[in-house]
Each structure stands twice: as C-alpha cells, then as structure tokens.
C-alpha cells in the first residue's frame, strides 16, 4: 500500500478553482481540468521514489490480481480522475472495444505516430465512463426525441421570422435543411443526417451565432421543444455559443438531452453515446483509454467520418445509476466499479483486484494488514490485489476504484 503522486492536466475548459480546493492549494490561474489517478501511460501516477505505477504493474502483475490479468493483461484497466469543468467539453463519443482495436491497428499500419494530433486511436481500448457529481454537474448526453428537436427548430425559425434582417432568408434555408434531415424516415437515418449536416455544412457556424443572439423567451417546462432536457435547449445553445462562438457543435448540443446531476448522483456513458460535460466538479472513472472522437466545441482534431462511424444514432435518456447497498456504482463494463464511503469505522472496502483509494473531503485512515496510511482531501493510495483486504475509518468523502469483475 503506497501513497500516489498524481498529475494535473490543464485544458482550456478547466476551472481554476475546483481541483485546487480539493488539493488544498492556492489557485494559480491555470485551468485545472483533470487530476489523473492510475496507470495510464500518458500520465501515470508515481509511487514513492518516483516509480511509475504502470512500470511497477508490468514488473509485478500479481498486484493486479489473477482475474484482472487474465482479462486485461499487465495493465490497470481503469482510470480514476477528478474532473473540473468551467466551460463545455467537446461534443464527443467513444468507440466500442472492437472498433478501438480495429482503428488502432489501422493507424499503426498506416504509420501514424501515436502522439500525432490528427490520430484518432491512441490505444486499442474502449472508453466507457461514469461521472459522480461532487457539486451540481451539468452534462449533455444522448439524442433527444426527434419531435422535440423539430419543435425547437420551429421555435428558432419563428424567432428568425420575427427578427427579420438581411440574413433572414439564408437562415430560413439552413433551418429548413436541418428540419428536412430530421424528417427523414428511420430514427438512425434522421439523427445521422442531421448531425452530419450541422457539423459538415458551411454556414451553420454563422447561423449558431445569430440564433443565440435572438430575443427568444424561455419556453415553459411543458413545451414540446423541451422534451428530453431539463433546461430549455435555447439556453443550452446560448451557453455553448458563449463558450465556442460560431461553432456548429452548439446546434448538435440542441439535439442532445441536458441533465444536471445533484451532488452524489452518477451518470454512466457507454460507447457511441454523444455527450459533452458542461459545468461542475466530479469524480470520474473510466476504462483506461484516451480514445475520443470529437465533432465540435473544440480546437482539437475532428474526424467527422470516424465520429459518424462510432456514434449510436438513437434517442436515449441519460443513464443515471444508483449505488448498491455497499455504495458501489457501475457502468456498462466490468473494467471499473466505484465505491463512495462518507463515514466508516474499520469498514472493509469493495475491492476486485487492485484498488485506488482517493479522499476528496475530510480525513480517513486506510489499513491493510500491518500497514496504515492517513488520507486527507486530495490524497490517494494504491493497494495491490496481493495485499491484505483494506479497511477504512474516518468521515468525509472517500472513493474506492477497482474493477467490476467478480470478487
């Protein structure tokens, strides 16, 4: 059982305050977006003495546990993060395991450097994920009902008509094209066509900016245009336009369901589900991969053809998951499970294979056999599968990450 030193990742969408508050350090003005805790080769946690956790596990696979090694090899199959969003993340989706393996092999065969900015597949693994809210956490997730999206387009068209102006006819034409795509027979065909139209056709970026500037009152919660979203989609459009001016990804955001998690709630995301986190602080756990296909709201590489290939073009409600009797939540894969403990006295933790234990508030003590480690907010520890069952005592917020394989 060893204390971990973890890496902060700065991205433009990060918040300057959320992660520093958990770590107990003064903000320095940087956008502290993610704290990575695990053995992903891009930013592995360090063990005492500067040893990389990924190197340690390759040398000591017994620390992963036999069932984990049989399934995942000499790698930690999950990655734990603290995620702090001060602005919208990209419209994105993640591949299935089979597509990740195919895409990785294709780019390897083509000689695309793994660190090339235009590379889609950094590794051969999928990336289902789960976010657990520490503060109110807002996200876009899954396509809304097509009738609701068309009702939103109708509201926008009426507002364009009322506003008039020199761009009126050209804006009408773009809105008609969008509506026509949504009217195609077959849910998958309509959603695929509308998404490709918005992201791949010139003119929708400028339309986004003009629509966001319209004087359009908020629709009541019962309005058909709000179905599948806990906020007016026009408000979502304005939020995204403010974060990424003239980006057509904001119109794709109008097509997605918006959900606000309360602290303690969790949202699971499977392969192919279009999504974007908007605001908030949370603990995220995922299969250990960095494969992201982006479609908008980002300066990073966008590959619309590959995004279309991995997207699941179907209406789906956000998948809120509830903890079991032990406080454990699970996503769509056995790669990970996440347990939250708020108060405990010598309580055995849920563990299947190796575990990473993270404190985000308060103070706890972790004991494994004769070893004992105190944890305060922002500190974490790695416990190998070959070590005695860890027990915890204390109060605050403690998270235990392990695989979701049978114990």
Protein backbone atom coordinates (compact mmCIF):
# COMPACT_ATOMS: atom_id res chain seq x y z
CA UNK A 1 0.00 0.00 0.00
CA UNK A 2 1.66 3.19 -1.20
CA UNK A 3 0.76 6.87 -1.46
CA UNK A 4 0.36 8.16 -5.02
CA UNK A 5 1.62 11.35 -6.62
CA UNK A 6 -0.80 12.34 -9.37
CA UNK A 7 -0.73 14.58 -12.44
CA UNK A 8 -2.94 17.61 -13.09
CA UNK A 9 -3.94 18.12 -16.72
CA UNK A 10 -4.68 21.68 -17.89
CA UNK A 11 -7.24 22.11 -20.66
CA UNK A 12 -8.94 25.31 -21.77
CA UNK A 13 -12.31 24.14 -20.41
CA UNK A 14 -10.98 23.53 -16.89
CA UNK A 15 -11.88 25.53 -13.81
CA UNK A 16 -9.14 27.41 -11.94
CA UNK A 17 -10.62 26.58 -8.52
CA UNK A 18 -12.25 23.12 -8.21
CA UNK A 19 -9.21 20.84 -8.11
CA UNK A 20 -7.01 23.28 -6.12
CA UNK A 21 -9.72 23.38 -3.44
CA UNK A 22 -9.69 19.59 -3.12
CA UNK A 23 -5.88 19.51 -3.08
CA UNK A 24 -5.74 22.35 -0.55
CA UNK A 25 -3.50 24.59 -2.65
CA UNK A 26 -3.87 28.15 -3.86
CA UNK A 27 -5.27 28.56 -7.39
CA UNK A 28 -2.64 29.84 -9.80
CA UNK A 29 -4.93 30.95 -12.62
CA UNK A 30 -4.44 27.83 -14.74
CA UNK A 31 -7.49 25.87 -15.94
CA UNK A 32 -7.05 22.76 -13.74
CA UNK A 33 -9.25 20.40 -15.75
CA UNK A 34 -8.39 16.86 -14.62
CA UNK A 35 -6.38 15.07 -11.96
CA UNK A 36 -5.37 11.65 -13.30
CA UNK A 37 -5.05 8.83 -10.76
CA UNK A 38 -3.98 5.48 -12.17
CA UNK A 39 -1.56 3.83 -14.57
CA UNK A 40 -2.45 5.29 -17.97
CA UNK A 41 0.85 5.61 -19.84
CA UNK A 42 0.23 9.27 -20.76
CA UNK A 43 0.20 10.49 -17.14
CA UNK A 44 0.76 7.58 -14.74
CA UNK A 45 0.67 8.14 -11.01
CA UNK A 46 4.01 7.92 -9.26
CA UNK A 47 4.88 5.72 -6.31
CA UNK A 48 7.36 6.84 -3.64
CA UNK A 49 10.81 7.31 -5.13
CA UNK A 50 9.39 8.45 -8.46
CA UNK A 51 8.49 4.97 -9.73
CA UNK A 52 5.78 4.94 -12.40
CA UNK A 53 2.73 2.91 -11.43
CA UNK A 54 2.41 1.44 -14.93
CA UNK A 55 6.04 0.25 -14.86
CA UNK A 56 5.51 -1.20 -11.38
CA UNK A 57 2.48 -3.20 -12.55
CA UNK A 58 4.28 -4.58 -15.58
CA UNK A 59 7.03 -5.78 -13.28
CA UNK A 60 4.62 -7.05 -10.61
CA UNK A 61 1.41 -8.29 -12.31
CA UNK A 62 0.45 -10.11 -9.12
CA UNK A 63 -0.55 -6.68 -7.78
CA UNK A 64 -3.37 -6.63 -10.35
CA UNK A 65 -4.92 -9.97 -9.39
CA UNK A 66 -5.26 -13.12 -11.47
CA UNK A 67 -8.75 -12.41 -12.88
CA UNK A 68 -7.69 -8.92 -13.96
CA UNK A 69 -4.50 -10.18 -15.64
CA UNK A 70 -6.45 -12.90 -17.43
CA UNK A 71 -8.87 -10.29 -18.81
CA UNK A 72 -6.73 -7.18 -19.29
CA UNK A 73 -3.09 -8.23 -19.20
CA UNK A 74 -0.46 -6.35 -17.19
CA UNK A 75 -2.36 -3.03 -17.20
CA UNK A 76 -4.67 -1.36 -14.72
CA UNK A 77 -7.97 -1.46 -16.64
CA UNK A 78 -9.49 1.65 -15.09
CA UNK A 79 -8.51 5.29 -14.74
CA UNK A 80 -9.79 7.50 -11.92
CA UNK A 81 -10.00 11.28 -12.30
CA UNK A 82 -11.18 14.40 -10.59
CA UNK A 83 -12.80 16.42 -13.38
CA UNK A 84 -13.50 20.15 -13.05
CA UNK A 85 -15.38 21.78 -15.93
CA UNK A 86 -15.55 25.57 -16.09
CA UNK A 87 -16.64 25.53 -19.75
CA UNK A 88 -18.08 22.99 -22.15
CA UNK A 89 -16.07 19.97 -23.21
CA UNK A 90 -16.22 18.86 -26.83
CA UNK A 91 -19.18 17.11 -28.42
CA UNK A 92 -17.76 13.59 -28.46
CA UNK A 93 -18.27 9.84 -28.43
CA UNK A 94 -16.09 6.83 -27.66
CA UNK A 95 -15.62 3.64 -29.70
CA UNK A 96 -16.60 0.10 -28.87
CA UNK A 97 -13.78 -2.25 -27.92
CA UNK A 98 -13.87 -3.92 -31.34
CA UNK A 99 -13.71 -0.60 -33.20
CA UNK A 100 -10.92 0.65 -30.94
CA UNK A 101 -8.85 -2.41 -31.78
CA UNK A 102 -9.56 -2.05 -35.50
CA UNK A 103 -8.90 1.70 -35.56
CA UNK A 104 -5.68 1.38 -33.57
CA UNK A 105 -4.41 -1.38 -35.88
CA UNK A 106 -5.30 0.66 -38.98
CA UNK A 107 -3.40 3.74 -37.79
CA UNK A 108 -0.46 1.64 -36.65
CA UNK A 109 -0.29 0.01 -40.09
CA UNK A 110 -0.51 3.44 -41.74
CA UNK A 111 2.46 4.64 -39.68
CA UNK A 112 0.59 7.48 -37.95
CA UNK A 113 2.66 8.47 -34.90
CA UNK A 114 0.76 7.69 -31.70
CA UNK A 115 1.28 11.27 -30.50
CA UNK A 116 0.21 12.87 -33.80
CA UNK A 117 -2.54 15.46 -33.20
CA UNK A 118 -4.61 14.03 -36.05
CA UNK A 119 -4.52 10.48 -34.74
CA UNK A 120 -7.89 9.11 -33.60
CA UNK A 121 -6.87 5.96 -31.73
CA UNK A 122 -4.17 6.35 -29.11
CA UNK A 123 -4.64 2.79 -27.87
CA UNK A 124 -6.64 -0.36 -28.58
CA UNK A 125 -9.18 0.02 -25.77
CA UNK A 126 -12.71 1.30 -25.38
CA UNK A 127 -13.62 4.15 -23.00
CA UNK A 128 -16.99 3.73 -21.29
CA UNK A 129 -17.11 6.09 -18.33
CA UNK A 130 -19.04 7.24 -15.27
CA UNK A 131 -19.15 10.66 -13.62
CA UNK A 132 -20.10 11.08 -9.93
CA UNK A 133 -21.08 14.65 -9.04
CA UNK A 134 -19.36 16.43 -6.16
CA UNK A 135 -21.16 19.70 -7.00
CA UNK A 136 -24.17 20.26 -9.25
CA UNK A 137 -22.86 18.87 -12.54
CA UNK A 138 -24.39 19.64 -15.93
CA UNK A 139 -23.97 17.42 -18.98
CA UNK A 140 -25.38 16.75 -22.41
CA UNK A 141 -25.98 13.07 -23.05
CA UNK A 142 -27.80 11.15 -25.79
CA UNK A 143 -30.13 12.32 -28.53
CA UNK A 144 -33.47 13.86 -27.56
CA UNK A 145 -36.71 12.72 -29.21
CA UNK A 146 -36.76 13.88 -32.82
CA UNK A 147 -40.17 15.55 -32.40
CA UNK A 148 -38.71 17.66 -29.58
CA UNK A 149 -35.73 18.72 -31.69
CA UNK A 150 -38.01 19.64 -34.59
CA UNK A 151 -40.15 21.68 -32.19
CA UNK A 152 -37.00 23.53 -31.12
CA UNK A 153 -36.11 24.20 -34.77
CA UNK A 154 -39.65 25.54 -35.28
CA UNK A 155 -39.24 27.94 -32.34
CA UNK A 156 -35.94 29.16 -33.77
CA UNK A 157 -37.49 29.62 -37.22
CA UNK A 158 -40.33 31.68 -35.74
CA UNK A 159 -37.82 33.86 -33.90
CA UNK A 160 -35.82 34.38 -37.10
CA UNK A 161 -39.01 35.42 -38.87
CA UNK A 162 -39.89 37.88 -36.12
CA UNK A 163 -36.40 39.39 -36.07
CA UNK A 164 -36.20 39.93 -39.83
CA UNK A 165 -32.89 41.31 -41.12
CA UNK A 166 -30.69 40.69 -44.11
CA UNK A 167 -29.82 37.09 -43.11
CA UNK A 168 -33.46 36.06 -42.69
CA UNK A 169 -33.87 34.07 -45.92
CA UNK A 170 -30.49 32.34 -45.74
CA UNK A 171 -31.14 31.41 -42.09
CA UNK A 172 -34.56 30.05 -43.04
CA UNK A 173 -32.92 27.91 -45.71
CA UNK A 174 -30.44 26.41 -43.26
CA UNK A 175 -33.16 25.73 -40.68
CA UNK A 176 -35.32 24.07 -43.36
CA UNK A 177 -32.42 21.79 -44.31
CA UNK A 178 -31.93 20.85 -40.68
CA UNK A 179 -35.63 20.09 -40.25
CA UNK A 180 -35.72 18.12 -43.50
CA UNK A 181 -32.87 15.92 -42.29
CA UNK A 182 -34.75 15.28 -39.04
CA UNK A 183 -37.85 14.35 -41.06
CA UNK A 184 -36.12 11.51 -42.93
CA UNK A 185 -37.66 8.06 -42.34
CA UNK A 186 -35.91 5.98 -39.69
CA UNK A 187 -34.59 7.35 -36.40
CA UNK A 188 -30.99 6.34 -37.06
CA UNK A 189 -31.02 7.79 -40.58
CA UNK A 190 -32.57 11.10 -39.44
CA UNK A 191 -30.21 11.63 -36.50
CA UNK A 192 -27.14 10.68 -38.54
CA UNK A 193 -28.14 13.00 -41.38
CA UNK A 194 -28.91 15.94 -39.10
CA UNK A 195 -25.66 15.57 -37.15
CA UNK A 196 -23.58 15.31 -40.34
CA UNK A 197 -25.39 18.28 -41.85
CA UNK A 198 -24.77 20.58 -38.91
CA UNK A 199 -21.10 19.66 -38.48
CA UNK A 200 -20.14 19.28 -42.11
CA UNK A 201 -22.01 22.02 -43.98
CA UNK A 202 -20.75 25.57 -44.37
CA UNK A 203 -23.00 28.20 -42.86
CA UNK A 204 -24.15 26.56 -39.66
CA UNK A 205 -21.45 28.20 -37.57
CA UNK A 206 -22.65 31.66 -38.53
CA UNK A 207 -26.26 30.56 -38.01
CA UNK A 208 -25.37 29.43 -34.48
CA UNK A 209 -24.16 32.90 -33.55
CA UNK A 210 -27.23 34.61 -34.98
CA UNK A 211 -29.66 32.20 -33.33
CA UNK A 212 -28.01 32.62 -29.95
CA UNK A 213 -28.46 36.39 -30.23
CA UNK A 214 -32.21 36.20 -30.88
CA UNK A 215 -34.63 37.65 -28.36
CA UNK A 216 -36.37 34.37 -27.65
CA UNK A 217 -38.18 33.92 -24.30
CA UNK A 218 -37.66 30.76 -22.27
CA UNK A 219 -40.18 28.04 -23.04
CA UNK A 220 -42.14 26.56 -20.13
CA UNK A 221 -41.12 23.12 -18.91
CA UNK A 222 -44.21 21.60 -20.56
CA UNK A 223 -43.34 22.94 -24.01
CA UNK A 224 -42.81 20.10 -26.56
CA UNK A 225 -39.45 21.62 -27.55
CA UNK A 226 -38.07 20.87 -24.08
CA UNK A 227 -38.76 17.13 -24.06
CA UNK A 228 -35.70 15.12 -23.13
CA UNK A 229 -33.92 18.06 -21.49
CA UNK A 230 -34.06 19.55 -18.00
CA UNK A 231 -33.38 23.04 -19.44
CA UNK A 232 -34.61 24.99 -22.43
CA UNK A 233 -32.46 23.89 -25.41
CA UNK A 234 -32.24 27.55 -26.43
CA UNK A 235 -30.48 28.25 -23.13
CA UNK A 236 -28.09 25.40 -23.94
CA UNK A 237 -27.45 26.95 -27.36
CA UNK A 238 -26.56 30.29 -25.77
CA UNK A 239 -24.28 28.68 -23.21
CA UNK A 240 -22.37 26.75 -25.87
CA UNK A 241 -22.17 29.74 -28.21
CA UNK A 242 -20.65 31.79 -25.39
CA UNK A 243 -18.02 29.08 -24.80
CA UNK A 244 -17.31 28.45 -28.51
CA UNK A 245 -18.52 31.32 -30.72
CA UNK A 246 -19.85 30.38 -34.17
CA UNK A 247 -19.26 26.64 -33.62
CA UNK A 248 -21.97 24.43 -35.16
CA UNK A 249 -21.36 21.93 -32.39
CA UNK A 250 -23.69 24.15 -30.34
CA UNK A 251 -26.55 23.14 -32.64
CA UNK A 252 -25.72 19.48 -32.12
CA UNK A 253 -25.94 20.31 -28.42
CA UNK A 254 -29.54 21.42 -29.01
CA UNK A 255 -30.24 17.86 -30.20
CA UNK A 256 -28.88 16.28 -27.01
CA UNK A 257 -30.52 15.76 -23.64
CA UNK A 258 -29.37 18.04 -20.85
CA UNK A 259 -29.17 16.72 -17.30
CA UNK A 260 -27.98 18.31 -14.06
CA UNK A 261 -26.67 15.84 -11.52
CA UNK A 262 -27.07 16.72 -7.86
CA UNK A 263 -24.10 16.03 -5.59
CA UNK A 264 -23.96 12.29 -5.02
CA UNK A 265 -25.64 11.33 -8.31
CA UNK A 266 -23.84 9.39 -11.05
CA UNK A 267 -24.18 9.29 -14.84
CA UNK A 268 -22.91 6.34 -16.90
CA UNK A 269 -21.90 6.64 -20.56
CA UNK A 270 -21.46 3.70 -22.91
CA UNK A 271 -19.69 3.52 -26.27
CA UNK A 272 -21.24 5.55 -29.08
CA UNK A 273 -23.34 7.87 -26.92
CA UNK A 274 -22.89 11.53 -27.97
CA UNK A 275 -22.16 13.71 -24.95
CA UNK A 276 -20.47 16.81 -23.59
CA UNK A 277 -19.89 17.85 -20.00
CA UNK A 278 -20.78 21.49 -19.41
CA UNK A 279 -20.11 22.62 -15.85
CA UNK A 280 -19.25 21.14 -12.48
CA UNK A 281 -16.86 19.15 -10.32
CA UNK A 282 -16.95 15.37 -10.12
CA UNK A 283 -15.08 12.12 -9.69
CA UNK A 284 -14.85 10.27 -12.99
CA UNK A 285 -13.94 6.65 -13.57
CA UNK A 286 -13.50 5.04 -16.96
CA UNK A 287 -11.88 2.21 -18.83
CA UNK A 288 -8.22 3.22 -19.12
CA UNK A 289 -8.15 4.69 -22.62
CA UNK A 290 -7.74 8.06 -24.31
CA UNK A 291 -9.78 7.31 -27.45
CA UNK A 292 -12.09 10.27 -28.11
CA UNK A 293 -13.85 11.10 -31.39
CA UNK A 294 -14.81 14.78 -31.42
CA UNK A 295 -17.36 16.65 -33.51
CA UNK A 296 -17.31 20.23 -32.29
CA UNK A 297 -16.75 22.68 -29.43
CA UNK A 298 -13.03 22.05 -29.53
CA UNK A 299 -9.81 23.27 -31.16
CA UNK A 300 -8.61 19.64 -31.24
CA UNK A 301 -8.70 17.24 -34.17
CA UNK A 302 -12.14 16.48 -35.62
CA UNK A 303 -12.80 13.48 -37.87
CA UNK A 304 -16.47 13.60 -38.83
CA UNK A 305 -16.35 10.37 -40.82
CA UNK A 306 -14.93 8.38 -37.91
CA UNK A 307 -17.26 10.10 -35.44
CA UNK A 308 -20.23 9.08 -37.58
CA UNK A 309 -18.91 5.52 -37.60
CA UNK A 310 -18.84 5.23 -33.81
CA UNK A 311 -21.96 7.25 -32.94
CA UNK A 312 -25.09 5.38 -31.94
CA UNK A 313 -27.81 7.35 -33.72
CA UNK A 314 -30.76 6.63 -31.47
CA UNK A 315 -32.82 8.52 -28.92
CA UNK A 316 -31.69 7.71 -25.39
CA UNK A 317 -32.25 9.17 -21.94
CA UNK A 318 -29.24 9.89 -19.71
CA UNK A 319 -28.40 6.75 -17.71
CA UNK A 320 -28.40 7.71 -14.05
CA UNK A 321 -27.05 4.85 -11.94
CA UNK A 322 -27.77 4.24 -8.28
CA UNK A 323 -25.38 2.73 -5.75
CA UNK A 324 -25.89 -0.73 -4.32
CA UNK A 325 -26.05 -1.49 -0.60
CA UNK A 326 -22.27 -1.07 -0.35
CA UNK A 327 -22.29 2.33 -2.07
CA UNK A 328 -20.85 0.88 -5.30
CA UNK A 329 -21.84 2.21 -8.73
CA UNK A 330 -21.04 0.51 -12.01
CA UNK A 331 -21.13 1.48 -15.67
CA UNK A 332 -21.57 -0.54 -18.83
CA UNK A 333 -18.40 -2.61 -18.40
CA UNK A 334 -16.56 -4.74 -15.87
CA UNK A 335 -13.47 -2.60 -16.37
CA UNK A 336 -14.36 -0.49 -13.34
CA UNK A 337 -16.50 -0.04 -10.24
CA UNK A 338 -16.60 2.97 -7.91
CA UNK A 339 -17.48 2.91 -4.21
CA UNK A 340 -18.21 6.04 -2.15
CA UNK A 341 -17.82 6.00 1.63
CA UNK A 342 -18.80 9.00 3.75
CA UNK A 343 -18.30 7.54 7.21
CA UNK A 344 -16.72 4.33 8.42
CA UNK A 345 -15.13 2.53 11.32
CA UNK A 346 -12.90 -0.35 10.27
CA UNK A 347 -15.05 -0.91 7.20
CA UNK A 348 -13.74 -3.30 4.53
CA UNK A 349 -13.78 -1.63 1.12
CA UNK A 350 -15.17 -3.09 -2.08
CA UNK A 351 -12.21 -4.46 -3.98
CA UNK A 352 -11.87 -6.68 -7.02
CA UNK A 353 -8.20 -6.87 -7.91
CA UNK A 354 -6.08 -3.78 -7.36
CA UNK A 355 -7.67 -0.69 -5.82
CA UNK A 356 -7.06 3.04 -5.86
CA UNK A 357 -8.45 4.88 -2.84
CA UNK A 358 -8.99 8.65 -3.06
CA UNK A 359 -10.10 11.13 -0.39
CA UNK A 360 -11.88 14.27 -1.62
CA UNK A 361 -13.02 15.69 1.74
CA UNK A 362 -12.46 15.07 5.45
CA UNK A 363 -9.94 12.57 6.77
CA UNK A 364 -9.65 8.78 6.73
CA UNK A 365 -7.22 6.08 7.70
CA UNK A 366 -6.64 3.11 5.40
CA UNK A 367 -5.25 -0.06 6.93
CA UNK A 368 -4.08 -3.15 5.03
CA UNK A 369 -2.58 -5.78 7.32
CA UNK A 370 0.07 -4.01 9.40
CA UNK A 371 0.31 -1.05 7.02
CA UNK A 372 -1.66 2.09 7.82
CA UNK A 373 -1.91 5.30 5.78
CA UNK A 374 -3.76 8.53 6.66
CA UNK A 375 -5.64 10.21 3.80
CA UNK A 376 -6.83 13.80 3.70
CA UNK A 377 -8.54 15.71 0.91
CA UNK A 378 -6.73 15.27 -2.40
CA UNK A 379 -4.55 12.34 -1.35
CA UNK A 380 -4.74 8.79 -2.68
CA UNK A 381 -3.21 5.37 -2.20
CA UNK A 382 -2.68 2.25 -4.33
CA UNK A 383 -3.45 -1.14 -2.80
CA UNK A 384 -2.31 -4.22 -4.71
CA UNK A 385 -4.51 -7.28 -5.13
CA UNK A 386 -1.83 -9.30 -3.36
CA UNK A 387 -2.11 -7.19 -0.19
CA UNK A 388 -4.47 -7.84 2.75
CA UNK A 389 -8.06 -6.59 2.49
CA UNK A 390 -8.04 -2.83 3.18
CA UNK A 391 -10.33 -1.36 5.83
CA UNK A 392 -11.08 2.33 6.32
CA UNK A 393 -12.05 4.58 9.19
CA UNK A 394 -12.98 8.26 9.15
CA UNK A 395 -15.51 10.69 7.75
CA UNK A 396 -15.80 12.94 4.70
CA UNK A 397 -15.76 11.65 1.11
CA UNK A 398 -13.72 8.60 0.16
CA UNK A 399 -13.76 6.83 -3.21
CA UNK A 400 -12.54 3.31 -3.92
CA UNK A 401 -11.84 2.41 -7.54
CA UNK A 402 -11.35 -1.18 -8.65
CA UNK A 403 -12.50 -3.45 -11.45
CA UNK A 404 -16.09 -4.60 -11.69
CA UNK A 405 -15.04 -8.23 -12.05
CA UNK A 406 -16.47 -10.74 -9.56
CA UNK A 407 -14.65 -10.64 -6.24
